[in-house]
Amino acid sequence: MHLQTRRAALTGVLAALVVGFPSLAMQSRTPVDVASLGPQVGEGVPDFSLPDQNGRVRTRDSILGPNGAILLFHRSADW
């Protein structure tokens, strides 16, 4: 009997943690104004000069092809 009560209590605590923590995390987030983060869909990208993964400097004009270009900026987990 004692084991069943303990198991029920632990199950209740676990359920409260699983349900409670995500809702607390969501409440503390501040909305992000995406329009203030940089160029928007359809806007031109300003001139830039940045090193690629191999250290070679790339500019906007150096990556443009006949159909344009797609830029992907990826933040790695080890920054």
Foldseek 3Di string as FASTA:
>chain_A
DVVVVVVVVVVVVVVCCVVPPVVVVVVPDDDDDVVPPADDPPDDHDWDWDADPVRDIDILVRQQDPVGDDDDDDDDPVD
